[in-house]
Every structure is written in C-alpha cells, then in structure tokens.
Amino acid sequence: MLKKVCIGVLVSGSGSNLQSIIDHIESGTLDAEIKIVISNNPDAFALDRCKKHQICAMVVDHRQFDSRESYDRQMIAILESSGVELVVMAGFMRILSSEFFRAYPRRIMNIHPALLPAFPGTHVQKKAVEYGVKFAGCTVHFADEGVDTGPIIIQSVVPVYEDDTTDTLAARILKEEHRIYPQAIQYYAEGRIKIQGCKVFIHNTHRLAEKALHNPPLTRF
C-alpha cells in the first residue's frame, strides 16, 4: 500500500481547490493526508470546509506580525510540528519569504490560473481575455522566490471563446484546477517527480498523441 504524503494547505479565501483535494482524498483517488490547514484570513470560507470535514485548521493572521519573516517562522513551526512533508498553496494570497523556501525547498506547490510563464501575477483571466489569446489554462508548479515562477509540474489548456468574459473563462479554468492539483500531489505521493534544473520529469507517464489544437477550428487545412 502506498504511503500517504502528509500535506499542509495554505489558504486565504473560499478554498475550492482545498475542497477538491479533500474530495479526492475521501474518494481514495489521492494518497495524501491533510495534517493542517493554515489561513491568514480569519473569515476564509475554507475554514468552514475544514470544520465540515473535521480537518485541523488554524488562523495565523499576518496582521499580528511585525515582519514577513516572523510570520513565516510561525507558519513553519506549525507545519513542522504537524509532520508536513509537502506544502500546498491553494489560493494563499501572501508572498512567502526566503526563510520559508529554505525550510521547504522544492516542497511547496502552487496553482496559477494561466499557462505559465504567460500571465504571471493577478487578474490573469482578465488579461487573457483582453489580450485576445485563443487558449488559456492553469498550471501547477513548484513555487520559488519569483512571482509565479518555478518548475512546472502539470498544465491544462482550455479554449478562449470570442464571447468569453473574465468570469466565464475563470469558471472554465477553475474546473481544470480542481482536476490537475490533486494529480500533481498524487505524482509527488508516488515518488514520480524528478526535477532537473528548471524542468520537472514525471516517471511512467504516457506520451500524448501528436494532435494539435486549433481555435478557431481549421476549415480547409
């Protein structure tokens, strides 16, 4: 039987990706155990999700700390005392300090609602619609000290339609986030991830069929 990876989840808001992870764990499709959920926001709906599923959760309000480093040290202490092996950021609206990355090198995952390295930062669905891209998507990557940088683990692509709004595109991307984040964690749990430089290699995966996507679709060629 595969050993479950012990994860700590960092949240700030609704926690829909947290819910997806919980659902996959409870269905037996994700070999992970949530040891602790930490929120910097005492009003985060993610905390209600934890209560419903009897998951240990704590509020560590960043406004009570005089520096980013002191805040991160408190989170690190909680994560380490909880036996966390992998840190999972699920809508955590804080920039982590160098101290945090030293404590969990290449053991911090993040999900971003764009096809990195395109559109890092915030409001990325709006940027994608305004720029007129034909495809968008989401990315799970190992976080580092850059802004939405770090080795890419898995991506999902969705079409962008001419009548899309920020909200309709965001909803389409969110569905894919809920699929690929648990998969990325499962890769880690199975020990299938190898990082070489800036590239992530997943052992024992099937090569995709060489079929191109086109948006709008080709009509003659």
C-alpha atoms as a PDB file:
ATOM      1  CA  MET A   1       0.000   0.000   0.000  1.00  0.00           C
ATOM      2  CA  LEU A   2       1.323   3.421  -0.973  1.00  0.00           C
ATOM      3  CA  LYS A   3       2.341   5.634   1.938  1.00  0.00           C
ATOM      4  CA  LYS A   4       0.235   8.766   2.134  1.00  0.00           C
ATOM      5  CA  VAL A   5       2.062  12.047   1.751  1.00  0.00           C
ATOM      6  CA  CYS A   6       1.437  14.438   4.650  1.00  0.00           C
ATOM      7  CA  ILE A   7       0.425  17.848   3.365  1.00  0.00           C
ATOM      8  CA  GLY A   8      -0.201  21.255   4.838  1.00  0.00           C
ATOM      9  CA  VAL A   9      -2.536  23.550   2.924  1.00  0.00           C
ATOM     10  CA  LEU A  10      -2.261  27.348   2.965  1.00  0.00           C
ATOM     11  CA  VAL A  11      -5.459  29.252   2.166  1.00  0.00           C
ATOM     12  CA  SER A  12      -6.870  32.763   2.177  1.00  0.00           C
ATOM     13  CA  GLY A  13     -10.312  32.553   0.612  1.00  0.00           C
ATOM     14  CA  SER A  14     -13.071  30.196  -0.430  1.00  0.00           C
ATOM     15  CA  GLY A  15     -10.896  27.109  -0.636  1.00  0.00           C
ATOM     16  CA  SER A  16     -12.404  25.473  -3.717  1.00  0.00           C
ATOM     17  CA  ASN A  17      -9.085  23.815  -4.547  1.00  0.00           C
ATOM     18  CA  LEU A  18      -8.853  22.673  -0.935  1.00  0.00           C
ATOM     19  CA  GLN A  19     -12.306  21.121  -1.348  1.00  0.00           C
ATOM     20  CA  SER A  20     -11.170  19.309  -4.479  1.00  0.00           C
ATOM     21  CA  ILE A  21      -8.181  17.886  -2.612  1.00  0.00           C
ATOM     22  CA  ILE A  22     -10.436  16.808   0.282  1.00  0.00           C
ATOM     23  CA  ASP A  23     -12.882  15.143  -2.113  1.00  0.00           C
ATOM     24  CA  HIS A  24     -10.142  13.194  -3.875  1.00  0.00           C
ATOM     25  CA  ILE A  25      -8.661  12.051  -0.572  1.00  0.00           C
ATOM     26  CA  GLU A  26     -12.050  10.909   0.699  1.00  0.00           C
ATOM     27  CA  SER A  27     -12.781   9.064  -2.555  1.00  0.00           C
ATOM     28  CA  GLY A  28      -9.472   7.217  -2.331  1.00  0.00           C
ATOM     29  CA  THR A  29      -8.014   8.664  -5.541  1.00  0.00           C
ATOM     30  CA  LEU A  30      -5.404  10.813  -3.770  1.00  0.00           C
ATOM     31  CA  ASP A  31      -2.882   9.210  -1.427  1.00  0.00           C
ATOM     32  CA  ALA A  32      -2.478  12.161   0.896  1.00  0.00           C
ATOM     33  CA  GLU A  33      -3.387  13.236   4.398  1.00  0.00           C
ATOM     34  CA  ILE A  34      -4.097  16.840   5.286  1.00  0.00           C
ATOM     35  CA  LYS A  35      -2.261  17.363   8.556  1.00  0.00           C
ATOM     36  CA  ILE A  36      -3.046  21.063   8.929  1.00  0.00           C
ATOM     37  CA  VAL A  37      -4.731  23.927   7.078  1.00  0.00           C
ATOM     38  CA  ILE A  38      -3.439  27.427   7.805  1.00  0.00           C
ATOM     39  CA  SER A  39      -5.309  30.581   6.847  1.00  0.00           C
ATOM     40  CA  ASN A  40      -4.072  34.145   7.140  1.00  0.00           C
ATOM     41  CA  ASN A  41      -7.701  35.277   6.876  1.00  0.00           C
ATOM     42  CA  PRO A  42      -9.981  34.531   9.851  1.00  0.00           C
ATOM     43  CA  ASP A  43     -13.056  34.940   7.605  1.00  0.00           C
ATOM     44  CA  ALA A  44     -11.922  32.490   4.901  1.00  0.00           C
ATOM     45  CA  PHE A  45     -14.697  30.105   3.873  1.00  0.00           C
ATOM     46  CA  ALA A  46     -12.018  27.429   3.591  1.00  0.00           C
ATOM     47  CA  LEU A  47     -12.128  27.219   7.393  1.00  0.00           C
ATOM     48  CA  ASP A  48     -15.798  26.202   7.237  1.00  0.00           C
ATOM     49  CA  ARG A  49     -14.854  23.448   4.823  1.00  0.00           C
ATOM     50  CA  CYS A  50     -12.316  22.175   7.354  1.00  0.00           C
ATOM     51  CA  LYS A  51     -14.933  22.095  10.119  1.00  0.00           C
ATOM     52  CA  LYS A  52     -17.302  20.124   7.919  1.00  0.00           C
ATOM     53  CA  HIS A  53     -14.656  17.504   7.192  1.00  0.00           C
ATOM     54  CA  GLN A  54     -13.098  17.523  10.676  1.00  0.00           C
ATOM     55  CA  ILE A  55      -9.728  18.741   9.406  1.00  0.00           C
ATOM     56  CA  CYS A  56      -7.385  20.551  11.770  1.00  0.00           C
ATOM     57  CA  ALA A  57      -7.191  24.232  10.819  1.00  0.00           C
ATOM     58  CA  MET A  58      -5.566  27.301  12.315  1.00  0.00           C
ATOM     59  CA  VAL A  59      -5.737  31.035  11.685  1.00  0.00           C
ATOM     60  CA  VAL A  60      -2.385  32.787  11.662  1.00  0.00           C
ATOM     61  CA  ASP A  61      -3.304  36.391  10.981  1.00  0.00           C
ATOM     62  CA  HIS A  62      -0.415  38.140   9.230  1.00  0.00           C
ATOM     63  CA  ARG A  63      -1.583  41.471  10.646  1.00  0.00           C
ATOM     64  CA  GLN A  64      -0.433  40.345  14.081  1.00  0.00           C
ATOM     65  CA  PHE A  65       3.219  40.092  12.997  1.00  0.00           C
ATOM     66  CA  ASP A  66       5.770  42.844  12.504  1.00  0.00           C
ATOM     67  CA  SER A  67       7.526  41.262   9.516  1.00  0.00           C
ATOM     68  CA  ARG A  68       7.019  38.721   6.762  1.00  0.00           C
ATOM     69  CA  GLU A  69       9.849  36.640   8.199  1.00  0.00           C
ATOM     70  CA  SER A  70       8.375  36.437  11.687  1.00  0.00           C
ATOM     71  CA  TYR A  71       5.033  35.449  10.217  1.00  0.00           C
ATOM     72  CA  ASP A  72       6.611  32.747   8.102  1.00  0.00           C
ATOM     73  CA  ARG A  73       8.594  31.413  11.057  1.00  0.00           C
ATOM     74  CA  GLN A  74       5.337  30.857  12.912  1.00  0.00           C
ATOM     75  CA  MET A  75       3.850  29.006   9.952  1.00  0.00           C
ATOM     76  CA  ILE A  76       6.983  26.893   9.554  1.00  0.00           C
ATOM     77  CA  ALA A  77       6.843  25.914  13.223  1.00  0.00           C
ATOM     78  CA  ILE A  78       3.211  24.821  12.870  1.00  0.00           C
ATOM     79  CA  LEU A  79       3.858  22.872   9.677  1.00  0.00           C
ATOM     80  CA  GLU A  80       6.896  21.114  11.086  1.00  0.00           C
ATOM     81  CA  SER A  81       5.177  20.210  14.353  1.00  0.00           C
ATOM     82  CA  SER A  82       2.303  18.781  12.291  1.00  0.00           C
ATOM     83  CA  GLY A  83       4.632  16.497  10.332  1.00  0.00           C
ATOM     84  CA  VAL A  84       4.027  18.178   6.981  1.00  0.00           C
ATOM     85  CA  GLU A  85       6.138  16.905   4.080  1.00  0.00           C
ATOM     86  CA  LEU A  86       4.605  18.936   1.254  1.00  0.00           C
ATOM     87  CA  VAL A  87       3.182  22.459   1.434  1.00  0.00           C
ATOM     88  CA  VAL A  88       0.234  23.134  -0.874  1.00  0.00           C
ATOM     89  CA  MET A  89      -0.792  26.720  -1.577  1.00  0.00           C
ATOM     90  CA  ALA A  90      -4.472  26.849  -2.503  1.00  0.00           C
ATOM     91  CA  GLY A  91      -5.415  30.468  -3.030  1.00  0.00           C
ATOM     92  CA  PHE A  92      -2.949  31.737  -0.427  1.00  0.00           C
ATOM     93  CA  MET A  93      -2.682  35.468  -1.032  1.00  0.00           C
ATOM     94  CA  ARG A  94       0.689  36.037   0.586  1.00  0.00           C
ATOM     95  CA  ILE A  95       4.222  36.167  -0.808  1.00  0.00           C
ATOM     96  CA  LEU A  96       6.455  33.753   1.064  1.00  0.00           C
ATOM     97  CA  SER A  97       9.859  34.821   2.368  1.00  0.00           C
ATOM     98  CA  SER A  98      13.244  33.277   1.599  1.00  0.00           C
ATOM     99  CA  GLU A  99      13.121  31.688   5.033  1.00  0.00           C
ATOM    100  CA  PHE A 100      10.061  29.673   4.065  1.00  0.00           C
ATOM    101  CA  PHE A 101      11.665  28.380   0.878  1.00  0.00           C
ATOM    102  CA  ARG A 102      14.764  27.335   2.807  1.00  0.00           C
ATOM    103  CA  ALA A 103      12.569  25.330   5.180  1.00  0.00           C
ATOM    104  CA  TYR A 104      10.709  23.541   2.354  1.00  0.00           C
ATOM    105  CA  PRO A 105      12.976  23.542  -0.721  1.00  0.00           C
ATOM    106  CA  ARG A 106      11.170  22.203  -3.781  1.00  0.00           C
ATOM    107  CA  ARG A 107       8.401  21.044  -1.458  1.00  0.00           C
ATOM    108  CA  ILE A 108       5.953  23.916  -1.991  1.00  0.00           C
ATOM    109  CA  MET A 109       3.315  23.586  -4.706  1.00  0.00           C
ATOM    110  CA  ASN A 110       1.222  26.384  -6.116  1.00  0.00           C
ATOM    111  CA  ILE A 111      -1.558  26.584  -8.679  1.00  0.00           C
ATOM    112  CA  HIS A 112      -1.954  29.504 -11.053  1.00  0.00           C
ATOM    113  CA  PRO A 113      -4.906  30.188 -13.407  1.00  0.00           C
ATOM    114  CA  ALA A 114      -2.798  30.736 -16.530  1.00  0.00           C
ATOM    115  CA  LEU A 115      -0.393  28.849 -18.760  1.00  0.00           C
ATOM    116  CA  LEU A 116       2.853  29.936 -17.184  1.00  0.00           C
ATOM    117  CA  PRO A 117       5.161  31.566 -17.979  1.00  0.00           C
ATOM    118  CA  ALA A 118       2.432  33.651 -19.669  1.00  0.00           C
ATOM    119  CA  PHE A 119       0.383  35.968 -17.448  1.00  0.00           C
ATOM    120  CA  PRO A 120       2.002  35.733 -14.020  1.00  0.00           C
ATOM    121  CA  GLY A 121       0.621  37.795 -11.155  1.00  0.00           C
ATOM    122  CA  THR A 122      -3.013  38.675 -10.532  1.00  0.00           C
ATOM    123  CA  HIS A 123      -6.191  39.217 -12.597  1.00  0.00           C
ATOM    124  CA  VAL A 124      -4.803  36.842 -15.210  1.00  0.00           C
ATOM    125  CA  GLN A 125      -8.139  35.714 -16.667  1.00  0.00           C
ATOM    126  CA  LYS A 126      -8.997  39.349 -17.383  1.00  0.00           C
ATOM    127  CA  LYS A 127      -5.595  39.827 -19.012  1.00  0.00           C
ATOM    128  CA  ALA A 128      -6.097  36.741 -21.176  1.00  0.00           C
ATOM    129  CA  VAL A 129      -9.492  37.939 -22.406  1.00  0.00           C
ATOM    130  CA  GLU A 130      -8.241  41.458 -23.091  1.00  0.00           C
ATOM    131  CA  TYR A 131      -5.134  40.226 -24.890  1.00  0.00           C
ATOM    132  CA  GLY A 132      -7.241  38.040 -27.159  1.00  0.00           C
ATOM    133  CA  VAL A 133      -5.417  34.753 -26.662  1.00  0.00           C
ATOM    134  CA  LYS A 134      -7.131  31.707 -28.164  1.00  0.00           C
ATOM    135  CA  PHE A 135      -6.114  29.321 -25.387  1.00  0.00           C
ATOM    136  CA  ALA A 136      -5.724  29.772 -21.652  1.00  0.00           C
ATOM    137  CA  GLY A 137      -5.492  27.322 -18.776  1.00  0.00           C
ATOM    138  CA  CYS A 138      -3.841  26.616 -15.449  1.00  0.00           C
ATOM    139  CA  THR A 139      -0.504  25.463 -14.098  1.00  0.00           C
ATOM    140  CA  VAL A 140       0.677  23.573 -11.032  1.00  0.00           C
ATOM    141  CA  HIS A 141       4.306  24.319 -10.274  1.00  0.00           C
ATOM    142  CA  PHE A 142       6.851  24.188  -7.502  1.00  0.00           C
ATOM    143  CA  ALA A 143       6.967  27.673  -6.027  1.00  0.00           C
ATOM    144  CA  ASP A 144      10.198  29.576  -5.697  1.00  0.00           C
ATOM    145  CA  GLU A 145      11.097  33.144  -4.777  1.00  0.00           C
ATOM    146  CA  GLY A 146       9.939  34.555  -8.099  1.00  0.00           C
ATOM    147  CA  VAL A 147       6.399  35.640  -8.957  1.00  0.00           C
ATOM    148  CA  ASP A 148       4.617  32.545 -10.292  1.00  0.00           C
ATOM    149  CA  THR A 149       7.906  31.012 -11.379  1.00  0.00           C
ATOM    150  CA  GLY A 150       9.412  27.654 -10.508  1.00  0.00           C
ATOM    151  CA  PRO A 151       9.445  24.243 -12.205  1.00  0.00           C
ATOM    152  CA  ILE A 152       6.167  23.361 -13.927  1.00  0.00           C
ATOM    153  CA  ILE A 153       4.587  20.041 -12.927  1.00  0.00           C
ATOM    154  CA  ILE A 154       1.368  19.882 -14.949  1.00  0.00           C
ATOM    155  CA  GLN A 155      -0.745  22.196 -17.098  1.00  0.00           C
ATOM    156  CA  SER A 156      -4.249  22.110 -18.535  1.00  0.00           C
ATOM    157  CA  VAL A 157      -5.399  24.016 -21.611  1.00  0.00           C
ATOM    158  CA  VAL A 158      -8.871  25.445 -22.259  1.00  0.00           C
ATOM    159  CA  PRO A 159     -10.155  27.389 -25.289  1.00  0.00           C
ATOM    160  CA  VAL A 160     -10.955  31.082 -25.040  1.00  0.00           C
ATOM    161  CA  TYR A 161     -14.103  31.993 -26.971  1.00  0.00           C
ATOM    162  CA  GLU A 162     -14.884  35.293 -28.616  1.00  0.00           C
ATOM    163  CA  ASP A 163     -17.795  35.953 -26.249  1.00  0.00           C
ATOM    164  CA  ASP A 164     -15.894  34.992 -23.102  1.00  0.00           C
ATOM    165  CA  THR A 165     -15.872  37.301 -20.126  1.00  0.00           C
ATOM    166  CA  THR A 166     -13.427  37.197 -17.250  1.00  0.00           C
ATOM    167  CA  ASP A 167     -15.983  35.245 -15.228  1.00  0.00           C
ATOM    168  CA  THR A 168     -16.842  32.640 -17.863  1.00  0.00           C
ATOM    169  CA  LEU A 169     -13.184  31.974 -18.611  1.00  0.00           C
ATOM    170  CA  ALA A 170     -12.309  31.822 -14.908  1.00  0.00           C
ATOM    171  CA  ALA A 171     -15.053  29.240 -14.327  1.00  0.00           C
ATOM    172  CA  ARG A 172     -13.765  27.062 -17.174  1.00  0.00           C
ATOM    173  CA  ILE A 173     -10.219  27.253 -15.845  1.00  0.00           C
ATOM    174  CA  LEU A 174     -11.292  26.542 -12.260  1.00  0.00           C
ATOM    175  CA  LYS A 175     -12.789  23.197 -13.281  1.00  0.00           C
ATOM    176  CA  GLU A 176      -9.394  22.192 -14.615  1.00  0.00           C
ATOM    177  CA  GLU A 177      -7.611  23.443 -11.498  1.00  0.00           C
ATOM    178  CA  HIS A 178      -9.713  21.014  -9.474  1.00  0.00           C
ATOM    179  CA  ARG A 179      -8.504  18.172 -11.706  1.00  0.00           C
ATOM    180  CA  ILE A 180      -4.793  18.865 -12.054  1.00  0.00           C
ATOM    181  CA  TYR A 181      -3.923  19.930  -8.495  1.00  0.00           C
ATOM    182  CA  PRO A 182      -4.818  16.551  -6.934  1.00  0.00           C
ATOM    183  CA  GLN A 183      -2.971  14.854  -9.816  1.00  0.00           C
ATOM    184  CA  ALA A 184       0.195  16.839  -9.128  1.00  0.00           C
ATOM    185  CA  ILE A 185       0.044  15.903  -5.440  1.00  0.00           C
ATOM    186  CA  GLN A 186      -0.506  12.255  -6.405  1.00  0.00           C
ATOM    187  CA  TYR A 187       2.595  12.337  -8.618  1.00  0.00           C
ATOM    188  CA  TYR A 188       4.529  13.542  -5.570  1.00  0.00           C
ATOM    189  CA  ALA A 189       2.996  10.892  -3.301  1.00  0.00           C
ATOM    190  CA  GLU A 190       4.028   8.182  -5.769  1.00  0.00           C
ATOM    191  CA  GLY A 191       7.605   9.478  -5.900  1.00  0.00           C
ATOM    192  CA  ARG A 192       7.353  10.008  -9.652  1.00  0.00           C
ATOM    193  CA  ILE A 193       8.626  13.586  -9.773  1.00  0.00           C
ATOM    194  CA  LYS A 194      12.219  14.375 -10.656  1.00  0.00           C
ATOM    195  CA  ILE A 195      13.484  17.930 -11.025  1.00  0.00           C
ATOM    196  CA  GLN A 196      16.444  18.747 -13.243  1.00  0.00           C
ATOM    197  CA  GLY A 197      17.237  22.426 -13.362  1.00  0.00           C
ATOM    198  CA  CYS A 198      14.008  24.206 -14.258  1.00  0.00           C
ATOM    199  CA  LYS A 199      12.326  21.090 -15.693  1.00  0.00           C
ATOM    200  CA  VAL A 200      10.077  18.543 -13.992  1.00  0.00           C
ATOM    201  CA  PHE A 201      10.059  14.966 -15.277  1.00  0.00           C
ATOM    202  CA  ILE A 202       7.211  12.617 -14.344  1.00  0.00           C
ATOM    203  CA  HIS A 203       8.194   8.965 -14.429  1.00  0.00           C
ATOM    204  CA  ASN A 204       5.957   6.406 -16.139  1.00  0.00           C
ATOM    205  CA  THR A 205       3.614   8.737 -17.986  1.00  0.00           C
ATOM    206  CA  HIS A 206       2.219   8.123 -21.454  1.00  0.00           C
ATOM    207  CA  ARG A 207       3.262  10.350 -24.311  1.00  0.00           C
ATOM    208  CA  LEU A 208       0.405  12.460 -25.654  1.00  0.00           C
ATOM    209  CA  ALA A 209      -0.822  11.750 -29.152  1.00  0.00           C
ATOM    210  CA  GLU A 210       0.598  14.339 -31.535  1.00  0.00           C
ATOM    211  CA  LYS A 211      -2.674  16.061 -32.245  1.00  0.00           C
ATOM    212  CA  ALA A 212      -2.700  19.836 -32.468  1.00  0.00           C
ATOM    213  CA  LEU A 213      -5.478  22.037 -31.119  1.00  0.00           C
ATOM    214  CA  HIS A 214      -6.819  24.957 -33.125  1.00  0.00           C
ATOM    215  CA  ASN A 215      -9.060  27.790 -32.019  1.00  0.00           C
ATOM    216  CA  PRO A 216     -10.963  28.754 -34.103  1.00  0.00           C
ATOM    217  CA  PRO A 217     -11.043  25.333 -35.778  1.00  0.00           C
ATOM    218  CA  LEU A 218      -9.490  24.790 -39.184  1.00  0.00           C
ATOM    219  CA  THR A 219     -11.973  24.653 -42.051  1.00  0.00           C
ATOM    220  CA  ARG A 220      -9.795  23.886 -45.093  1.00  0.00           C
ATOM    221  CA  PHE A 221      -6.322  22.887 -43.950  1.00  0.00           C
END
